[in-house]
C-alpha atoms as a PDB file:
ATOM      1  CA  MET A   1       5.631   6.980  -7.057  1.00  0.00           C
ATOM      2  CA  GLU A   2       3.254   9.514  -8.104  1.00  0.00           C
ATOM      3  CA  PRO A   3       4.054  11.206 -11.525  1.00  0.00           C
ATOM      4  CA  ALA A   4       5.284  14.472 -11.962  1.00  0.00           C
ATOM      5  CA  SER A   5       2.650  17.347 -11.876  1.00  0.00           C
ATOM      6  CA  LEU A   6       1.388  19.347 -14.861  1.00  0.00           C
ATOM      7  CA  VAL A   7       0.026  22.627 -15.269  1.00  0.00           C
ATOM      8  CA  HIS A   8      -1.885  23.663 -18.196  1.00  0.00           C
ATOM      9  CA  ILE A   9      -1.548  27.225 -19.119  1.00  0.00           C
ATOM     10  CA  VAL A  10      -4.356  28.655 -21.370  1.00  0.00           C
ATOM     11  CA  ASP A  11      -4.155  32.371 -22.189  1.00  0.00           C
ATOM     12  CA  ASP A  12      -3.841  34.108 -25.518  1.00  0.00           C
ATOM     13  CA  ASP A  13      -1.006  36.302 -23.988  1.00  0.00           C
ATOM     14  CA  GLY A  14       2.395  34.509 -24.955  1.00  0.00           C
ATOM     15  CA  SER A  15       4.327  36.609 -22.376  1.00  0.00           C
ATOM     16  CA  LEU A  16       2.214  35.641 -19.543  1.00  0.00           C
ATOM     17  CA  ARG A  17       2.270  32.134 -20.600  1.00  0.00           C
ATOM     18  CA  ALA A  18       6.034  32.232 -20.769  1.00  0.00           C
ATOM     19  CA  ALA A  19       6.430  33.819 -17.264  1.00  0.00           C
ATOM     20  CA  LEU A  20       4.024  31.437 -15.795  1.00  0.00           C
ATOM     21  CA  ASP A  21       5.881  28.658 -17.248  1.00  0.00           C
ATOM     22  CA  SER A  22       9.021  29.820 -15.567  1.00  0.00           C
ATOM     23  CA  LEU A  23       7.285  30.279 -12.263  1.00  0.00           C
ATOM     24  CA  PHE A  24       5.747  26.599 -12.442  1.00  0.00           C
ATOM     25  CA  ARG A  25       9.008  25.192 -13.366  1.00  0.00           C
ATOM     26  CA  SER A  26      10.958  26.978 -10.609  1.00  0.00           C
ATOM     27  CA  VAL A  27       9.144  24.847  -8.114  1.00  0.00           C
ATOM     28  CA  GLY A  28       9.421  21.547  -9.942  1.00  0.00           C
ATOM     29  CA  LEU A  29       6.169  21.882 -11.792  1.00  0.00           C
ATOM     30  CA  ASP A  30       6.089  20.847 -15.598  1.00  0.00           C
ATOM     31  CA  SER A  31       3.818  22.977 -17.640  1.00  0.00           C
ATOM     32  CA  ARG A  32       2.308  23.140 -21.229  1.00  0.00           C
ATOM     33  CA  GLN A  33       1.157  26.343 -22.967  1.00  0.00           C
ATOM     34  CA  TYR A  34      -1.812  26.958 -25.100  1.00  0.00           C
ATOM     35  CA  ALA A  35      -3.037  30.235 -26.759  1.00  0.00           C
ATOM     36  CA  SER A  36      -6.826  29.026 -26.837  1.00  0.00           C
ATOM     37  CA  VAL A  37      -9.130  26.505 -25.308  1.00  0.00           C
ATOM     38  CA  GLN A  38      -9.386  24.817 -28.732  1.00  0.00           C
ATOM     39  CA  GLU A  39      -5.605  24.271 -28.886  1.00  0.00           C
ATOM     40  CA  PHE A  40      -5.695  22.613 -25.174  1.00  0.00           C
ATOM     41  CA  LEU A  41      -8.457  20.227 -26.429  1.00  0.00           C
ATOM     42  CA  SER A  42      -6.698  19.402 -29.461  1.00  0.00           C
ATOM     43  CA  ALA A  43      -3.531  18.267 -27.553  1.00  0.00           C
ATOM     44  CA  GLU A  44      -2.813  15.063 -26.113  1.00  0.00           C
ATOM     45  CA  ARG A  45      -3.507  14.928 -22.426  1.00  0.00           C
ATOM     46  CA  LEU A  46      -0.966  12.951 -20.050  1.00  0.00           C
ATOM     47  CA  ASP A  47      -2.549  10.855 -17.315  1.00  0.00           C
ATOM     48  CA  VAL A  48      -0.819  12.924 -14.338  1.00  0.00           C
ATOM     49  CA  PRO A  49      -1.810  15.026 -11.480  1.00  0.00           C
ATOM     50  CA  SER A  50      -2.743  18.236 -13.277  1.00  0.00           C
ATOM     51  CA  CYS A  51      -4.598  21.532 -13.153  1.00  0.00           C
ATOM     52  CA  ILE A  52      -5.781  24.132 -15.704  1.00  0.00           C
ATOM     53  CA  VAL A  53      -4.783  27.940 -15.319  1.00  0.00           C
ATOM     54  CA  LEU A  54      -7.560  29.396 -17.628  1.00  0.00           C
ATOM     55  CA  ASP A  55      -7.994  33.179 -18.600  1.00  0.00           C
ATOM     56  CA  VAL A  56     -11.743  34.244 -18.413  1.00  0.00           C
ATOM     57  CA  ARG A  57     -11.412  36.054 -21.653  1.00  0.00           C
ATOM     58  CA  LEU A  58     -10.141  34.277 -24.589  1.00  0.00           C
ATOM     59  CA  PRO A  59     -10.553  34.252 -28.465  1.00  0.00           C
ATOM     60  CA  GLY A  60     -13.052  31.851 -29.493  1.00  0.00           C
ATOM     61  CA  MET A  61     -14.501  29.883 -26.600  1.00  0.00           C
ATOM     62  CA  SER A  62     -14.342  31.886 -23.339  1.00  0.00           C
ATOM     63  CA  GLY A  63     -12.797  30.328 -20.069  1.00  0.00           C
ATOM     64  CA  LEU A  64     -16.261  30.294 -18.530  1.00  0.00           C
ATOM     65  CA  ASP A  65     -17.799  28.533 -21.769  1.00  0.00           C
ATOM     66  CA  ALA A  66     -14.540  26.173 -21.452  1.00  0.00           C
ATOM     67  CA  GLN A  67     -15.505  25.078 -17.844  1.00  0.00           C
ATOM     68  CA  GLY A  68     -19.081  23.601 -19.124  1.00  0.00           C
ATOM     69  CA  HIS A  69     -17.385  22.181 -22.349  1.00  0.00           C
ATOM     70  CA  LEU A  70     -14.793  20.462 -20.316  1.00  0.00           C
ATOM     71  CA  LYS A  71     -17.220  18.683 -18.124  1.00  0.00           C
ATOM     72  CA  GLU A  72     -19.234  17.612 -21.015  1.00  0.00           C
ATOM     73  CA  LEU A  73     -16.142  16.040 -22.327  1.00  0.00           C
ATOM     74  CA  GLY A  74     -15.356  14.114 -19.070  1.00  0.00           C
ATOM     75  CA  ILE A  75     -12.226  16.137 -18.130  1.00  0.00           C
ATOM     76  CA  HIS A  76     -12.402  16.691 -14.655  1.00  0.00           C
ATOM     77  CA  LEU A  77      -9.422  18.937 -13.955  1.00  0.00           C
ATOM     78  CA  PRO A  78      -9.515  21.716 -11.379  1.00  0.00           C
ATOM     79  CA  VAL A  79      -9.479  25.066 -12.918  1.00  0.00           C
ATOM     80  CA  VAL A  80      -7.977  28.280 -11.726  1.00  0.00           C
ATOM     81  CA  LEU A  81      -9.376  31.214 -13.354  1.00  0.00           C
ATOM     82  CA  MET A  82      -7.302  34.239 -14.299  1.00  0.00           C
ATOM     83  CA  THR A  83      -9.222  37.710 -14.720  1.00  0.00           C
ATOM     84  CA  GLY A  84      -8.877  41.433 -15.347  1.00  0.00           C
ATOM     85  CA  HIS A  85     -10.294  44.105 -12.882  1.00  0.00           C
ATOM     86  CA  GLY A  86     -13.420  44.281 -14.767  1.00  0.00           C
ATOM     87  CA  ASP A  87     -13.969  40.503 -14.671  1.00  0.00           C
ATOM     88  CA  ILE A  88     -14.764  39.798 -11.280  1.00  0.00           C
ATOM     89  CA  PRO A  89     -18.770  38.989 -11.667  1.00  0.00           C
ATOM     90  CA  MET A  90     -17.421  36.613 -14.415  1.00  0.00           C
ATOM     91  CA  SER A  91     -15.075  35.084 -11.973  1.00  0.00           C
ATOM     92  CA  VAL A  92     -17.729  34.507  -9.370  1.00  0.00           C
ATOM     93  CA  ARG A  93     -19.819  32.726 -12.122  1.00  0.00           C
ATOM     94  CA  GLY A  94     -16.748  30.555 -12.748  1.00  0.00           C
ATOM     95  CA  MET A  95     -16.424  29.742  -9.016  1.00  0.00           C
ATOM     96  CA  LYS A  96     -19.959  28.719  -8.953  1.00  0.00           C
ATOM     97  CA  ALA A  97     -19.436  26.586 -11.909  1.00  0.00           C
ATOM     98  CA  GLY A  98     -16.732  24.698  -9.949  1.00  0.00           C
ATOM     99  CA  ALA A  99     -13.434  26.529 -10.644  1.00  0.00           C
ATOM    100  CA  GLU A 100     -10.783  25.829  -7.760  1.00  0.00           C
ATOM    101  CA  ASP A 101      -9.832  29.588  -7.263  1.00  0.00           C
ATOM    102  CA  PHE A 102      -9.781  32.945  -9.235  1.00  0.00           C
ATOM    103  CA  LEU A 103      -6.862  35.431  -9.430  1.00  0.00           C
ATOM    104  CA  THR A 104      -7.136  39.166 -10.609  1.00  0.00           C
ATOM    105  CA  LYS A 105      -4.280  40.078 -12.863  1.00  0.00           C
ATOM    106  CA  PRO A 106      -1.852  41.405 -11.813  1.00  0.00           C
ATOM    107  CA  PHE A 107      -1.428  38.646  -9.327  1.00  0.00           C
ATOM    108  CA  ARG A 108       1.570  37.888  -6.965  1.00  0.00           C
ATOM    109  CA  ASP A 109       3.668  34.879  -7.873  1.00  0.00           C
ATOM    110  CA  GLN A 110       3.070  33.357  -4.516  1.00  0.00           C
ATOM    111  CA  ASP A 111      -0.678  33.571  -4.844  1.00  0.00           C
ATOM    112  CA  MET A 112      -0.768  31.881  -8.082  1.00  0.00           C
ATOM    113  CA  LEU A 113       1.668  29.038  -6.935  1.00  0.00           C
ATOM    114  CA  ASP A 114      -0.557  28.525  -3.778  1.00  0.00           C
ATOM    115  CA  ALA A 115      -3.571  28.360  -6.044  1.00  0.00           C
ATOM    116  CA  VAL A 116      -2.181  25.711  -8.419  1.00  0.00           C
ATOM    117  CA  LEU A 117      -0.566  23.602  -5.563  1.00  0.00           C
ATOM    118  CA  ALA A 118      -3.964  23.177  -3.893  1.00  0.00           C
ATOM    119  CA  ALA A 119      -5.659  22.488  -7.117  1.00  0.00           C
ATOM    120  CA  ILE A 120      -3.174  19.889  -7.983  1.00  0.00           C
ATOM    121  CA  GLU A 121      -3.570  18.178  -4.406  1.00  0.00           C
ATOM    122  CA  ARG A 122      -7.305  18.083  -5.004  1.00  0.00           C
ATOM    123  CA  HIS A 123      -6.729  16.380  -8.461  1.00  0.00           C
ATOM    124  CA  LYS A 124      -4.335  13.909  -6.653  1.00  0.00           C
ATOM    125  CA  ALA A 125      -6.853  13.211  -3.912  1.00  0.00           C
ATOM    126  CA  ALA A 126      -9.427  12.756  -6.851  1.00  0.00           C
ATOM    127  CA  ARG A 127      -7.309  10.360  -8.641  1.00  0.00           C
ATOM    128  CA  HIS A 128      -6.556   8.213  -5.649  1.00  0.00           C
ATOM    129  CA  GLU A 129     -10.512   8.003  -4.585  1.00  0.00           C
ATOM    130  CA  ASN A 130     -11.200   7.187  -8.661  1.00  0.00           C
ATOM    131  CA  ALA A 131      -8.501   4.423  -8.302  1.00  0.00           C
ATOM    132  CA  HIS A 132      -9.804   3.078  -5.073  1.00  0.00           C
ATOM    133  CA  LEU A 133     -13.216   2.852  -6.384  1.00  0.00           C
ATOM    134  CA  HIS A 134     -12.217   1.217  -9.697  1.00  0.00           C
ATOM    135  CA  ASP A 135     -10.597  -1.445  -7.443  1.00  0.00           C
ATOM    136  CA  VAL A 136     -13.839  -2.062  -5.344  1.00  0.00           C
ATOM    137  CA  ALA A 137     -15.718  -2.079  -8.467  1.00  0.00           C
ATOM    138  CA  THR A 138     -13.365  -4.709  -9.912  1.00  0.00           C
ATOM    139  CA  ARG A 139     -13.690  -6.964  -6.811  1.00  0.00           C
ATOM    140  CA  TYR A 140     -17.603  -6.439  -6.957  1.00  0.00           C
ATOM    141  CA  GLU A 141     -17.710  -8.089 -10.284  1.00  0.00           C
ATOM    142  CA  THR A 142     -16.354 -11.142  -8.858  1.00  0.00           C
ATOM    143  CA  LEU A 143     -19.365 -12.080  -6.435  1.00  0.00           C
ATOM    144  CA  SER A 144     -21.906 -14.354  -7.759  1.00  0.00           C
ATOM    145  CA  PRO A 145     -25.586 -12.735  -7.875  1.00  0.00           C
ATOM    146  CA  ARG A 146     -26.556 -14.275  -4.358  1.00  0.00           C
ATOM    147  CA  GLU A 147     -23.539 -12.789  -2.916  1.00  0.00           C
ATOM    148  CA  ARG A 148     -24.458  -9.401  -4.429  1.00  0.00           C
ATOM    149  CA  GLN A 149     -27.803  -9.799  -2.833  1.00  0.00           C
ATOM    150  CA  VAL A 150     -26.836 -10.424   0.562  1.00  0.00           C
ATOM    151  CA  MET A 151     -24.030  -7.637   0.340  1.00  0.00           C
ATOM    152  CA  ALA A 152     -26.723  -5.376  -0.670  1.00  0.00           C
ATOM    153  CA  LEU A 153     -29.114  -6.268   2.287  1.00  0.00           C
ATOM    154  CA  VAL A 154     -26.247  -6.382   4.619  1.00  0.00           C
ATOM    155  CA  ALA A 155     -25.719  -2.499   3.493  1.00  0.00           C
ATOM    156  CA  GLU A 156     -29.173  -1.775   4.577  1.00  0.00           C
ATOM    157  CA  GLY A 157     -28.789  -3.061   8.014  1.00  0.00           C
ATOM    158  CA  LYS A 158     -30.493  -6.153   7.964  1.00  0.00           C
ATOM    159  CA  MET A 159     -29.499  -9.019  10.320  1.00  0.00           C
ATOM    160  CA  ASN A 160     -28.734 -12.521   8.818  1.00  0.00           C
ATOM    161  CA  LYS A 161     -32.102 -13.762   9.872  1.00  0.00           C
ATOM    162  CA  GLN A 162     -33.969 -11.070   8.283  1.00  0.00           C
ATOM    163  CA  ILE A 163     -31.752 -11.422   5.019  1.00  0.00           C
ATOM    164  CA  ALA A 164     -32.691 -15.387   5.151  1.00  0.00           C
ATOM    165  CA  TRP A 165     -36.342 -14.533   5.306  1.00  0.00           C
ATOM    166  CA  ASP A 166     -36.066 -11.948   2.459  1.00  0.00           C
ATOM    167  CA  LEU A 167     -34.196 -14.331   0.340  1.00  0.00           C
ATOM    168  CA  GLN A 168     -35.855 -17.434   1.432  1.00  0.00           C
ATOM    169  CA  LEU A 169     -32.620 -19.161   2.469  1.00  0.00           C
ATOM    170  CA  SER A 170     -31.399 -20.580   5.670  1.00  0.00           C
ATOM    171  CA  GLU A 171     -29.374 -18.549   7.888  1.00  0.00           C
ATOM    172  CA  ILE A 172     -26.507 -20.649   7.705  1.00  0.00           C
ATOM    173  CA  THR A 173     -26.415 -20.149   3.713  1.00  0.00           C
ATOM    174  CA  VAL A 174     -26.779 -16.386   4.552  1.00  0.00           C
ATOM    175  CA  LYS A 175     -23.676 -16.658   6.583  1.00  0.00           C
ATOM    176  CA  ILE A 176     -21.651 -18.433   3.838  1.00  0.00           C
ATOM    177  CA  HIS A 177     -22.533 -15.940   1.298  1.00  0.00           C
ATOM    178  CA  ARG A 178     -21.896 -12.919   3.550  1.00  0.00           C
ATOM    179  CA  GLY A 179     -18.424 -14.420   4.558  1.00  0.00           C
ATOM    180  CA  ALA A 180     -17.576 -15.051   0.736  1.00  0.00           C
ATOM    181  CA  ALA A 181     -18.619 -11.539  -0.130  1.00  0.00           C
ATOM    182  CA  MET A 182     -16.437 -10.166   2.502  1.00  0.00           C
ATOM    183  CA  ARG A 183     -13.587 -12.131   1.450  1.00  0.00           C
ATOM    184  CA  LYS A 184     -13.907 -11.463  -2.409  1.00  0.00           C
ATOM    185  CA  MET A 185     -14.293  -7.710  -1.510  1.00  0.00           C
ATOM    186  CA  ASP A 186     -11.229  -7.715   0.785  1.00  0.00           C
ATOM    187  CA  ALA A 187     -13.516  -6.144   3.583  1.00  0.00           C
ATOM    188  CA  ARG A 188     -11.827  -6.321   6.891  1.00  0.00           C
ATOM    189  CA  SER A 189     -14.989  -5.509   8.789  1.00  0.00           C
ATOM    190  CA  LEU A 190     -18.688  -5.510   8.266  1.00  0.00           C
ATOM    191  CA  ALA A 191     -18.574  -1.827   8.397  1.00  0.00           C
ATOM    192  CA  GLU A 192     -16.054  -1.669   5.605  1.00  0.00           C
ATOM    193  CA  LEU A 193     -18.395  -4.105   3.371  1.00  0.00           C
ATOM    194  CA  VAL A 194     -21.276  -1.194   4.163  1.00  0.00           C
ATOM    195  CA  ARG A 195     -18.764   1.424   2.919  1.00  0.00           C
ATOM    196  CA  MET A 196     -17.898  -0.334  -0.037  1.00  0.00           C
ATOM    197  CA  ALA A 197     -21.768  -0.870  -1.117  1.00  0.00           C
ATOM    198  CA  ASP A 198     -22.621   2.750  -0.434  1.00  0.00           C
ATOM    199  CA  ALA A 199     -19.669   3.649  -2.537  1.00  0.00           C
ATOM    200  CA  LEU A 200     -20.835   1.438  -5.534  1.00  0.00           C
ATOM    201  CA  ASN A 201     -24.450   2.689  -4.881  1.00  0.00           C
ATOM    202  CA  VAL A 202     -25.381  -1.215  -4.321  1.00  0.00           C
ATOM    203  CA  VAL A 203     -29.160  -1.485  -3.841  1.00  0.00           C
ATOM    204  CA  PRO A 204     -31.133  -4.644  -3.579  1.00  0.00           C
ATOM    205  CA  ALA A 205     -32.003  -6.624  -6.579  1.00  0.00           C
ATOM    206  CA  ALA A 206     -35.561  -8.355  -7.058  1.00  0.00           C
ATOM    207  CA  ARG A 207     -35.556 -11.616  -5.193  1.00  0.00           C
ATOM    208  CA  GLN A 208     -34.223 -14.576  -6.919  1.00  0.00           C
ATOM    209  CA  ALA A 209     -36.123 -18.010  -7.355  1.00  0.00           C
END
């Protein structure tokens, strides 16, 4: 079961933080409040579907600076920016830097909920993709060096006969290695094996002796 989703509210206005906390909890979302980016960075982060609702103008590190800093720290959470009327150009910069959405204060509750729910769905999808990629990488580690070579050449679109020539093996041996690779990778088809190789950026290694 998917864990409860969480919204990180980063704004120096305590009354706005409280209002947003009440709004998010009214639709079943958990939330945490922070008065600054530094406070958010020092807090423990749960491994759950999440997003950040971030004010552009904050004391210390601004919301725009925070976006770049979060990426440097490997914190890849979708960001919804909040801005004042005079901060529209800054919001455009934030969107170009990867923000999910931006809302101009005062905003409608439904607009904020729509933006946050979309951001959380994006994070759920990213978490699912990362988990799948981790599983594929784990299975790839079980392949022998020769099976990895064959898999890489299969992903290039080469036929068994061509792979046999490249690796100086018999065609039967190539078929055996290809079959073993597909079994260990749990690939139900050759196309699925190729997609896995693409996801892992598998490239042919130097020919083995």
